[in-house]
Amino acid sequence: MVDWQGKSVWIVGASSGIGEATASVL
């Protein structure tokens, strides 16, 4: 997965830590 533009991503466990940081980057 290279192009994230417009992709629908659901992150479960995203209130802090790795999940939050990954959500921010994506």
mmCIF file of all heavy atoms, coordinates in Angstrom:
data_MODEL
# 
_entry.id   MODEL 
# 
loop_
_atom_site.group_PDB 
_atom_site.id 
_atom_site.type_symbol 
_atom_site.label_atom_id 
_atom_site.label_alt_id 
_atom_site.label_comp_id 
_atom_site.label_asym_id 
_atom_site.label_entity_id 
_atom_site.label_seq_id 
_atom_site.pdbx_PDB_ins_code 
_atom_site.Cartn_x 
_atom_site.Cartn_y 
_atom_site.Cartn_z 
_atom_site.occupancy 
_atom_site.B_iso_or_equiv 
_atom_site.pdbx_formal_charge 
_atom_site.auth_seq_id 
_atom_site.auth_comp_id 
_atom_site.auth_asym_id 
_atom_site.auth_atom_id 
_atom_site.pdbx_PDB_model_num 
ATOM 1   N N   . MET A 1 1  ? 0.854   -1.176 0.000  1.00 0.00 ? 1  MET A N   1 
ATOM 2   C CA  . MET A 1 1  ? 0.000   0.000  0.000  1.00 0.00 ? 1  MET A CA  1 
ATOM 3   C C   . MET A 1 1  ? 0.895   1.234  0.000  1.00 0.00 ? 1  MET A C   1 
ATOM 4   O O   . MET A 1 1  ? 1.624   1.478  0.951  1.00 0.00 ? 1  MET A O   1 
ATOM 5   C CB  . MET A 1 1  ? -0.921  -0.006 1.224  1.00 0.00 ? 1  MET A CB  1 
ATOM 6   C CG  . MET A 1 1  ? -1.914  -1.165 1.251  1.00 0.00 ? 1  MET A CG  1 
ATOM 7   S SD  . MET A 1 1  ? -3.062  -1.056 2.649  1.00 0.00 ? 1  MET A SD  1 
ATOM 8   C CE  . MET A 1 1  ? -1.904  -1.352 4.004  1.00 0.00 ? 1  MET A CE  1 
ATOM 9   N N   . VAL A 1 2  ? 0.799   1.997  -1.080 1.00 0.00 ? 2  VAL A N   1 
ATOM 10  C CA  . VAL A 1 2  ? 1.644   3.169  -1.252 1.00 0.00 ? 2  VAL A CA  1 
ATOM 11  C C   . VAL A 1 2  ? 0.813   4.449  -1.311 1.00 0.00 ? 2  VAL A C   1 
ATOM 12  O O   . VAL A 1 2  ? 1.115   5.429  -0.634 1.00 0.00 ? 2  VAL A O   1 
ATOM 13  C CB  . VAL A 1 2  ? 2.506   3.040  -2.527 1.00 0.00 ? 2  VAL A CB  1 
ATOM 14  C CG1 . VAL A 1 2  ? 3.353   4.298  -2.718 1.00 0.00 ? 2  VAL A CG1 1 
ATOM 15  C CG2 . VAL A 1 2  ? 3.385   1.809  -2.465 1.00 0.00 ? 2  VAL A CG2 1 
ATOM 16  N N   . ASP A 1 3  ? -0.230  4.435  -2.116 1.00 0.00 ? 3  ASP A N   1 
ATOM 17  C CA  . ASP A 1 3  ? -1.068  5.621  -2.297 1.00 0.00 ? 3  ASP A CA  1 
ATOM 18  C C   . ASP A 1 3  ? -2.255  5.572  -1.346 1.00 0.00 ? 3  ASP A C   1 
ATOM 19  O O   . ASP A 1 3  ? -3.188  4.792  -1.519 1.00 0.00 ? 3  ASP A O   1 
ATOM 20  C CB  . ASP A 1 3  ? -1.543  5.683  -3.753 1.00 0.00 ? 3  ASP A CB  1 
ATOM 21  C CG  . ASP A 1 3  ? -2.382  6.920  -4.026 1.00 0.00 ? 3  ASP A CG  1 
ATOM 22  O OD1 . ASP A 1 3  ? -2.417  7.825  -3.160 1.00 0.00 ? 3  ASP A OD1 1 
ATOM 23  O OD2 . ASP A 1 3  ? -3.013  6.988  -5.095 1.00 0.00 ? 3  ASP A OD2 1 
ATOM 24  N N   . TRP A 1 4  ? -2.240  6.443  -0.333 1.00 0.00 ? 4  TRP A N   1 
ATOM 25  C CA  . TRP A 1 4  ? -3.309  6.472  0.654  1.00 0.00 ? 4  TRP A CA  1 
ATOM 26  C C   . TRP A 1 4  ? -4.351  7.536  0.346  1.00 0.00 ? 4  TRP A C   1 
ATOM 27  O O   . TRP A 1 4  ? -5.349  7.651  1.066  1.00 0.00 ? 4  TRP A O   1 
ATOM 28  C CB  . TRP A 1 4  ? -2.722  6.738  2.044  1.00 0.00 ? 4  TRP A CB  1 
ATOM 29  C CG  . TRP A 1 4  ? -1.877  5.603  2.544  1.00 0.00 ? 4  TRP A CG  1 
ATOM 30  C CD1 . TRP A 1 4  ? -0.533  5.440  2.403  1.00 0.00 ? 4  TRP A CD1 1 
ATOM 31  C CD2 . TRP A 1 4  ? -2.330  4.455  3.268  1.00 0.00 ? 4  TRP A CD2 1 
ATOM 32  N NE1 . TRP A 1 4  ? -0.111  4.275  2.986  1.00 0.00 ? 4  TRP A NE1 1 
ATOM 33  C CE2 . TRP A 1 4  ? -1.204  3.647  3.530  1.00 0.00 ? 4  TRP A CE2 1 
ATOM 34  C CE3 . TRP A 1 4  ? -3.580  4.028  3.724  1.00 0.00 ? 4  TRP A CE3 1 
ATOM 35  C CZ2 . TRP A 1 4  ? -1.284  2.439  4.230  1.00 0.00 ? 4  TRP A CZ2 1 
ATOM 36  C CZ3 . TRP A 1 4  ? -3.670  2.830  4.419  1.00 0.00 ? 4  TRP A CZ3 1 
ATOM 37  C CH2 . TRP A 1 4  ? -2.535  2.051  4.665  1.00 0.00 ? 4  TRP A CH2 1 
ATOM 38  N N   . GLN A 1 5  ? -4.150  8.312  -0.707 1.00 0.00 ? 5  GLN A N   1 
ATOM 39  C CA  . GLN A 1 5  ? -5.049  9.406  -1.029 1.00 0.00 ? 5  GLN A CA  1 
ATOM 40  C C   . GLN A 1 5  ? -6.476  8.902  -1.252 1.00 0.00 ? 5  GLN A C   1 
ATOM 41  O O   . GLN A 1 5  ? -6.723  8.075  -2.132 1.00 0.00 ? 5  GLN A O   1 
ATOM 42  C CB  . GLN A 1 5  ? -4.565  10.144 -2.281 1.00 0.00 ? 5  GLN A CB  1 
ATOM 43  C CG  . GLN A 1 5  ? -5.305  11.431 -2.575 1.00 0.00 ? 5  GLN A CG  1 
ATOM 44  C CD  . GLN A 1 5  ? -5.051  12.499 -1.529 1.00 0.00 ? 5  GLN A CD  1 
ATOM 45  O OE1 . GLN A 1 5  ? -3.918  12.678 -1.077 1.00 0.00 ? 5  GLN A OE1 1 
ATOM 46  N NE2 . GLN A 1 5  ? -6.089  13.223 -1.147 1.00 0.00 ? 5  GLN A NE2 1 
ATOM 47  N N   . GLY A 1 6  ? -7.411  9.400  -0.445 1.00 0.00 ? 6  GLY A N   1 
ATOM 48  C CA  . GLY A 1 6  ? -8.816  9.039  -0.593 1.00 0.00 ? 6  GLY A CA  1 
ATOM 49  C C   . GLY A 1 6  ? -9.189  7.671  -0.069 1.00 0.00 ? 6  GLY A C   1 
ATOM 50  O O   . GLY A 1 6  ? -10.368 7.291  -0.133 1.00 0.00 ? 6  GLY A O   1 
ATOM 51  N N   . LYS A 1 7  ? -8.225  6.915  0.471  1.00 0.00 ? 7  LYS A N   1 
ATOM 52  C CA  . LYS A 1 7  ? -8.523  5.577  0.982  1.00 0.00 ? 7  LYS A CA  1 
ATOM 53  C C   . LYS A 1 7  ? -9.267  5.675  2.322  1.00 0.00 ? 7  LYS A C   1 
ATOM 54  O O   . LYS A 1 7  ? -8.952  6.508  3.162  1.00 0.00 ? 7  LYS A O   1 
ATOM 55  C CB  . LYS A 1 7  ? -7.233  4.770  1.171  1.00 0.00 ? 7  LYS A CB  1 
ATOM 56  C CG  . LYS A 1 7  ? -6.488  4.468  -0.124 1.00 0.00 ? 7  LYS A CG  1 
ATOM 57  C CD  . LYS A 1 7  ? -7.298  3.543  -1.019 1.00 0.00 ? 7  LYS A CD  1 
ATOM 58  C CE  . LYS A 1 7  ? -6.491  3.014  -2.193 1.00 0.00 ? 7  LYS A CE  1 
ATOM 59  N NZ  . LYS A 1 7  ? -5.983  4.065  -3.078 1.00 0.00 ? 7  LYS A NZ  1 
ATOM 60  N N   . SER A 1 8  ? -10.232 4.790  2.500  1.00 0.00 ? 8  SER A N   1 
ATOM 61  C CA  . SER A 1 8  ? -11.008 4.748  3.732  1.00 0.00 ? 8  SER A CA  1 
ATOM 62  C C   . SER A 1 8  ? -10.326 3.802  4.716  1.00 0.00 ? 8  SER A C   1 
ATOM 63  O O   . SER A 1 8  ? -10.217 2.592  4.456  1.00 0.00 ? 8  SER A O   1 
ATOM 64  C CB  . SER A 1 8  ? -12.434 4.275  3.450  1.00 0.00 ? 8  SER A CB  1 
ATOM 65  O OG  . SER A 1 8  ? -13.171 4.154  4.637  1.00 0.00 ? 8  SER A OG  1 
ATOM 66  N N   . VAL A 1 9  ? -9.876  4.344  5.840  1.00 0.00 ? 9  VAL A N   1 
ATOM 67  C CA  . VAL A 1 9  ? -9.112  3.577  6.827  1.00 0.00 ? 9  VAL A CA  1 
ATOM 68  C C   . VAL A 1 9  ? -9.814  3.653  8.173  1.00 0.00 ? 9  VAL A C   1 
ATOM 69  O O   . VAL A 1 9  ? -10.172 4.730  8.653  1.00 0.00 ? 9  VAL A O   1 
ATOM 70  C CB  . VAL A 1 9  ? -7.675  4.120  6.964  1.00 0.00 ? 9  VAL A CB  1 
ATOM 71  C CG1 . VAL A 1 9  ? -6.895  3.305  7.987  1.00 0.00 ? 9  VAL A CG1 1 
ATOM 72  C CG2 . VAL A 1 9  ? -6.960  4.099  5.615  1.00 0.00 ? 9  VAL A CG2 1 
ATOM 73  N N   . TRP A 1 10 ? -9.997  2.492  8.791  1.00 0.00 ? 10 TRP A N   1 
ATOM 74  C CA  . TRP A 1 10 ? -10.582 2.427  10.141 1.00 0.00 ? 10 TRP A CA  1 
ATOM 75  C C   . TRP A 1 10 ? -9.537  1.860  11.085 1.00 0.00 ? 10 TRP A C   1 
ATOM 76  O O   . TRP A 1 10 ? -9.013  0.763  10.862 1.00 0.00 ? 10 TRP A O   1 
ATOM 77  C CB  . TRP A 1 10 ? -11.821 1.532  10.126 1.00 0.00 ? 10 TRP A CB  1 
ATOM 78  C CG  . TRP A 1 10 ? -12.539 1.441  11.439 1.00 0.00 ? 10 TRP A CG  1 
ATOM 79  C CD1 . TRP A 1 10 ? -12.657 2.422  12.384 1.00 0.00 ? 10 TRP A CD1 1 
ATOM 80  C CD2 . TRP A 1 10 ? -13.254 0.312  11.953 1.00 0.00 ? 10 TRP A CD2 1 
ATOM 81  N NE1 . TRP A 1 10 ? -13.411 1.986  13.449 1.00 0.00 ? 10 TRP A NE1 1 
ATOM 82  C CE2 . TRP A 1 10 ? -13.788 0.687  13.213 1.00 0.00 ? 10 TRP A CE2 1 
ATOM 83  C CE3 . TRP A 1 10 ? -13.511 -0.980 11.466 1.00 0.00 ? 10 TRP A CE3 1 
ATOM 84  C CZ2 . TRP A 1 10 ? -14.537 -0.190 13.987 1.00 0.00 ? 10 TRP A CZ2 1 
ATOM 85  C CZ3 . TRP A 1 10 ? -14.258 -1.845 12.243 1.00 0.00 ? 10 TRP A CZ3 1 
ATOM 86  C CH2 . TRP A 1 10 ? -14.780 -1.451 13.491 1.00 0.00 ? 10 TRP A CH2 1 
ATOM 87  N N   . ILE A 1 11 ? -9.223  2.614  12.138 1.00 0.00 ? 11 ILE A N   1 
ATOM 88  C CA  . ILE A 1 11 ? -8.241  2.185  13.122 1.00 0.00 ? 11 ILE A CA  1 
ATOM 89  C C   . ILE A 1 11 ? -8.944  1.996  14.456 1.00 0.00 ? 11 ILE A C   1 
ATOM 90  O O   . ILE A 1 11 ? -9.489  2.950  15.037 1.00 0.00 ? 11 ILE A O   1 
ATOM 91  C CB  . ILE A 1 11 ? -7.085  3.189  13.266 1.00 0.00 ? 11 ILE A CB  1 
ATOM 92  C CG1 . ILE A 1 11 ? -6.427  3.438  11.908 1.00 0.00 ? 11 ILE A CG1 1 
ATOM 93  C CG2 . ILE A 1 11 ? -6.053  2.689  14.277 1.00 0.00 ? 11 ILE A CG2 1 
ATOM 94  C CD1 . ILE A 1 11 ? -5.288  4.435  11.951 1.00 0.00 ? 11 ILE A CD1 1 
ATOM 95  N N   . VAL A 1 12 ? -8.942  0.766  14.944 1.00 0.00 ? 12 VAL A N   1 
ATOM 96  C CA  . VAL A 1 12 ? -9.556  0.436  16.226 1.00 0.00 ? 12 VAL A CA  1 
ATOM 97  C C   . VAL A 1 12 ? -8.454  0.439  17.290 1.00 0.00 ? 12 VAL A C   1 
ATOM 98  O O   . VAL A 1 12 ? -7.486  -0.310 17.185 1.00 0.00 ? 12 VAL A O   1 
ATOM 99  C CB  . VAL A 1 12 ? -10.239 -0.943 16.171 1.00 0.00 ? 12 VAL A CB  1 
ATOM 100 C CG1 . VAL A 1 12 ? -10.903 -1.256 17.516 1.00 0.00 ? 12 VAL A CG1 1 
ATOM 101 C CG2 . VAL A 1 12 ? -11.266 -0.984 15.046 1.00 0.00 ? 12 VAL A CG2 1 
ATOM 102 N N   . GLY A 1 13 ? -8.621  1.290  18.296 1.00 0.00 ? 13 GLY A N   1 
ATOM 103 C CA  . GLY A 1 13 ? -7.583  1.462  19.302 1.00 0.00 ? 13 GLY A CA  1 
ATOM 104 C C   . GLY A 1 13 ? -6.715  2.649  18.970 1.00 0.00 ? 13 GLY A C   1 
ATOM 105 O O   . GLY A 1 13 ? -5.484  2.552  18.960 1.00 0.00 ? 13 GLY A O   1 
ATOM 106 N N   . ALA A 1 14 ? -7.361  3.795  18.684 1.00 0.00 ? 14 ALA A N   1 
ATOM 107 C CA  . ALA A 1 14 ? -6.625  4.956  18.166 1.00 0.00 ? 14 ALA A CA  1 
ATOM 108 C C   . ALA A 1 14 ? -6.709  6.172  19.073 1.00 0.00 ? 14 ALA A C   1 
ATOM 109 O O   . ALA A 1 14 ? -6.495  7.295  18.630 1.00 0.00 ? 14 ALA A O   1 
ATOM 110 C CB  . ALA A 1 14 ? -7.160  5.322  16.776 1.00 0.00 ? 14 ALA A CB  1 
ATOM 111 N N   . SER A 1 15 ? -6.997  5.980  20.352 1.00 0.00 ? 15 SER A N   1 
ATOM 112 C CA  . SER A 1 15 ? -7.098  7.131  21.255 1.00 0.00 ? 15 SER A CA  1 
ATOM 113 C C   . SER A 1 15 ? -5.735  7.596  21.748 1.00 0.00 ? 15 SER A C   1 
ATOM 114 O O   . SER A 1 15 ? -5.607  8.714  22.262 1.00 0.00 ? 15 SER A O   1 
ATOM 115 C CB  . SER A 1 15 ? -7.998  6.797  22.451 1.00 0.00 ? 15 SER A CB  1 
ATOM 116 O OG  . SER A 1 15 ? -7.467  5.709  23.196 1.00 0.00 ? 15 SER A OG  1 
ATOM 117 N N   . SER A 1 16 ? -4.715  6.763  21.599 1.00 0.00 ? 16 SER A N   1 
ATOM 118 C CA  . SER A 1 16 ? -3.372  7.123  22.063 1.00 0.00 ? 16 SER A CA  1 
ATOM 119 C C   . SER A 1 16 ? -2.367  6.177  21.422 1.00 0.00 ? 16 SER A C   1 
ATOM 120 O O   . SER A 1 16 ? -2.730  5.249  20.683 1.00 0.00 ? 16 SER A O   1 
ATOM 121 C CB  . SER A 1 16 ? -3.277  7.033  23.594 1.00 0.00 ? 16 SER A CB  1 
ATOM 122 O OG  . SER A 1 16 ? -3.480  5.696  24.030 1.00 0.00 ? 16 SER A OG  1 
ATOM 123 N N   . GLY A 1 17 ? -1.099  6.403  21.702 1.00 0.00 ? 17 GLY A N   1 
ATOM 124 C CA  . GLY A 1 17 ? -0.041  5.474  21.308 1.00 0.00 ? 17 GLY A CA  1 
ATOM 125 C C   . GLY A 1 17 ? 0.088   5.233  19.822 1.00 0.00 ? 17 GLY A C   1 
ATOM 126 O O   . GLY A 1 17 ? -0.064  6.141  18.991 1.00 0.00 ? 17 GLY A O   1 
ATOM 127 N N   . ILE A 1 18 ? 0.365   3.975  19.472 1.00 0.00 ? 18 ILE A N   1 
ATOM 128 C CA  . ILE A 1 18 ? 0.609   3.603  18.084 1.00 0.00 ? 18 ILE A CA  1 
ATOM 129 C C   . ILE A 1 18 ? -0.594  3.895  17.210 1.00 0.00 ? 18 ILE A C   1 
ATOM 130 O O   . ILE A 1 18 ? -0.460  4.393  16.083 1.00 0.00 ? 18 ILE A O   1 
ATOM 131 C CB  . ILE A 1 18 ? 0.994   2.111  17.992 1.00 0.00 ? 18 ILE A CB  1 
ATOM 132 C CG1 . ILE A 1 18 ? 2.317   1.849  18.716 1.00 0.00 ? 18 ILE A CG1 1 
ATOM 133 C CG2 . ILE A 1 18 ? 1.110   1.674  16.535 1.00 0.00 ? 18 ILE A CG2 1 
ATOM 134 C CD1 . ILE A 1 18 ? 2.690   0.384  18.795 1.00 0.00 ? 18 ILE A CD1 1 
ATOM 135 N N   . GLY A 1 19 ? -1.790  3.586  17.698 1.00 0.00 ? 19 GLY A N   1 
ATOM 136 C CA  . GLY A 1 19 ? -2.992  3.791  16.898 1.00 0.00 ? 19 GLY A CA  1 
ATOM 137 C C   . GLY A 1 19 ? -3.201  5.246  16.541 1.00 0.00 ? 19 GLY A C   1 
ATOM 138 O O   . GLY A 1 19 ? -3.474  5.585  15.376 1.00 0.00 ? 19 GLY A O   1 
ATOM 139 N N   . GLU A 1 20 ? -3.078  6.135  17.521 1.00 0.00 ? 20 GLU A N   1 
ATOM 140 C CA  . GLU A 1 20 ? -3.252  7.560  17.259 1.00 0.00 ? 20 GLU A CA  1 
ATOM 141 C C   . GLU A 1 20 ? -2.189  8.084  16.305 1.00 0.00 ? 20 GLU A C   1 
ATOM 142 O O   . GLU A 1 20 ? -2.487  8.850  15.367 1.00 0.00 ? 20 GLU A O   1 
ATOM 143 C CB  . GLU A 1 20 ? -3.203  8.345  18.566 1.00 0.00 ? 20 GLU A CB  1 
ATOM 144 C CG  . GLU A 1 20 ? -3.389  9.844  18.368 1.00 0.00 ? 20 GLU A CG  1 
ATOM 145 C CD  . GLU A 1 20 ? -3.131  10.651 19.632 1.00 0.00 ? 20 GLU A CD  1 
ATOM 146 O OE1 . GLU A 1 20 ? -2.507  10.108 20.568 1.00 0.00 ? 20 GLU A OE1 1 
ATOM 147 O OE2 . GLU A 1 20 ? -3.538  11.819 19.663 1.00 0.00 ? 20 GLU A OE2 1 
ATOM 148 N N   . ALA A 1 21 ? -0.933  7.687  16.530 1.00 0.00 ? 21 ALA A N   1 
ATOM 149 C CA  . ALA A 1 21 ? 0.157   8.163  15.673 1.00 0.00 ? 21 ALA A CA  1 
ATOM 150 C C   . ALA A 1 21 ? -0.024  7.690  14.243 1.00 0.00 ? 21 ALA A C   1 
ATOM 151 O O   . ALA A 1 21 ? 0.211   8.448  13.284 1.00 0.00 ? 21 ALA A O   1 
ATOM 152 C CB  . ALA A 1 21 ? 1.496   7.673  16.223 1.00 0.00 ? 21 ALA A CB  1 
ATOM 153 N N   . THR A 1 22 ? -0.463  6.451  14.060 1.00 0.00 ? 22 THR A N   1 
ATOM 154 C CA  . THR A 1 22 ? -0.682  5.922  12.715 1.00 0.00 ? 22 THR A CA  1 
ATOM 155 C C   . THR A 1 22 ? -1.839  6.638  12.038 1.00 0.00 ? 22 THR A C   1 
ATOM 156 O O   . THR A 1 22 ? -1.772  6.969  10.841 1.00 0.00 ? 22 THR A O   1 
ATOM 157 C CB  . THR A 1 22 ? -0.960  4.416  12.786 1.00 0.00 ? 22 THR A CB  1 
ATOM 158 O OG1 . THR A 1 22 ? 0.137   3.777  13.438 1.00 0.00 ? 22 THR A OG1 1 
ATOM 159 C CG2 . THR A 1 22 ? -1.118  3.828  11.395 1.00 0.00 ? 22 THR A CG2 1 
ATOM 160 N N   . ALA A 1 23 ? -2.896  6.898  12.784 1.00 0.00 ? 23 ALA A N   1 
ATOM 161 C CA  . ALA A 1 23 ? -4.026  7.638  12.217 1.00 0.00 ? 23 ALA A CA  1 
ATOM 162 C C   . ALA A 1 23 ? -3.596  9.016  11.750 1.00 0.00 ? 23 ALA A C   1 
ATOM 163 O O   . ALA A 1 23 ? -4.013  9.492  10.681 1.00 0.00 ? 23 ALA A O   1 
ATOM 164 C CB  . ALA A 1 23 ? -5.131  7.746  13.268 1.00 0.00 ? 23 ALA A CB  1 
ATOM 165 N N   . SER A 1 24 ? -2.740  9.668  12.530 1.00 0.00 ? 24 SER A N   1 
ATOM 166 C CA  . SER A 1 24 ? -2.259  11.002 12.172 1.00 0.00 ? 24 SER A CA  1 
ATOM 167 C C   . SER A 1 24 ? -1.433  10.975 10.890 1.00 0.00 ? 24 SER A C   1 
ATOM 168 O O   . SER A 1 24 ? -1.604  11.821 10.000 1.00 0.00 ? 24 SER A O   1 
ATOM 169 C CB  . SER A 1 24 ? -1.432  11.578 13.324 1.00 0.00 ? 24 SER A CB  1 
ATOM 170 O OG  . SER A 1 24 ? -1.003  12.889 13.038 1.00 0.00 ? 24 SER A OG  1 
ATOM 171 N N   . VAL A 1 25 ? -0.547  9.989  10.775 1.00 0.00 ? 25 VAL A N   1 
ATOM 172 C CA  . VAL A 1 25 ? 0.297   9.875  9.584  1.00 0.00 ? 25 VAL A CA  1 
ATOM 173 C C   . VAL A 1 25 ? -0.547  9.580  8.346  1.00 0.00 ? 25 VAL A C   1 
ATOM 174 O O   . VAL A 1 25 ? -0.360  10.198 7.286  1.00 0.00 ? 25 VAL A O   1 
ATOM 175 C CB  . VAL A 1 25 ? 1.363   8.783  9.780  1.00 0.00 ? 25 VAL A CB  1 
ATOM 176 C CG1 . VAL A 1 25 ? 2.069   8.488  8.463  1.00 0.00 ? 25 VAL A CG1 1 
ATOM 177 C CG2 . VAL A 1 25 ? 2.376   9.213  10.830 1.00 0.00 ? 25 VAL A CG2 1 
ATOM 178 N N   . LEU A 1 26 ? -1.487  8.645  8.458  1.00 0.00 ? 26 LEU A N   1 
ATOM 179 C CA  . LEU A 1 26 ? -2.305  8.292  7.301  1.00 0.00 ? 26 LEU A CA  1 
ATOM 180 C C   . LEU A 1 26 ? -3.220  9.443  6.892  1.00 0.00 ? 26 LEU A C   1 
ATOM 181 O O   . LEU A 1 26 ? -3.480  9.657  5.704  1.00 0.00 ? 26 LEU A O   1 
ATOM 182 C CB  . LEU A 1 26 ? -3.119  7.036  7.603  1.00 0.00 ? 26 LEU A CB  1 
ATOM 183 C CG  . LEU A 1 26 ? -2.300  5.764  7.829  1.00 0.00 ? 26 LEU A CG  1 
ATOM 184 C CD1 . LEU A 1 26 ? -3.227  4.561  8.041  1.00 0.00 ? 26 LEU A CD1 1 
ATOM 185 C CD2 . LEU A 1 26 ? -1.364  5.499  6.653  1.00 0.00 ? 26 LEU A CD2 1 
# 
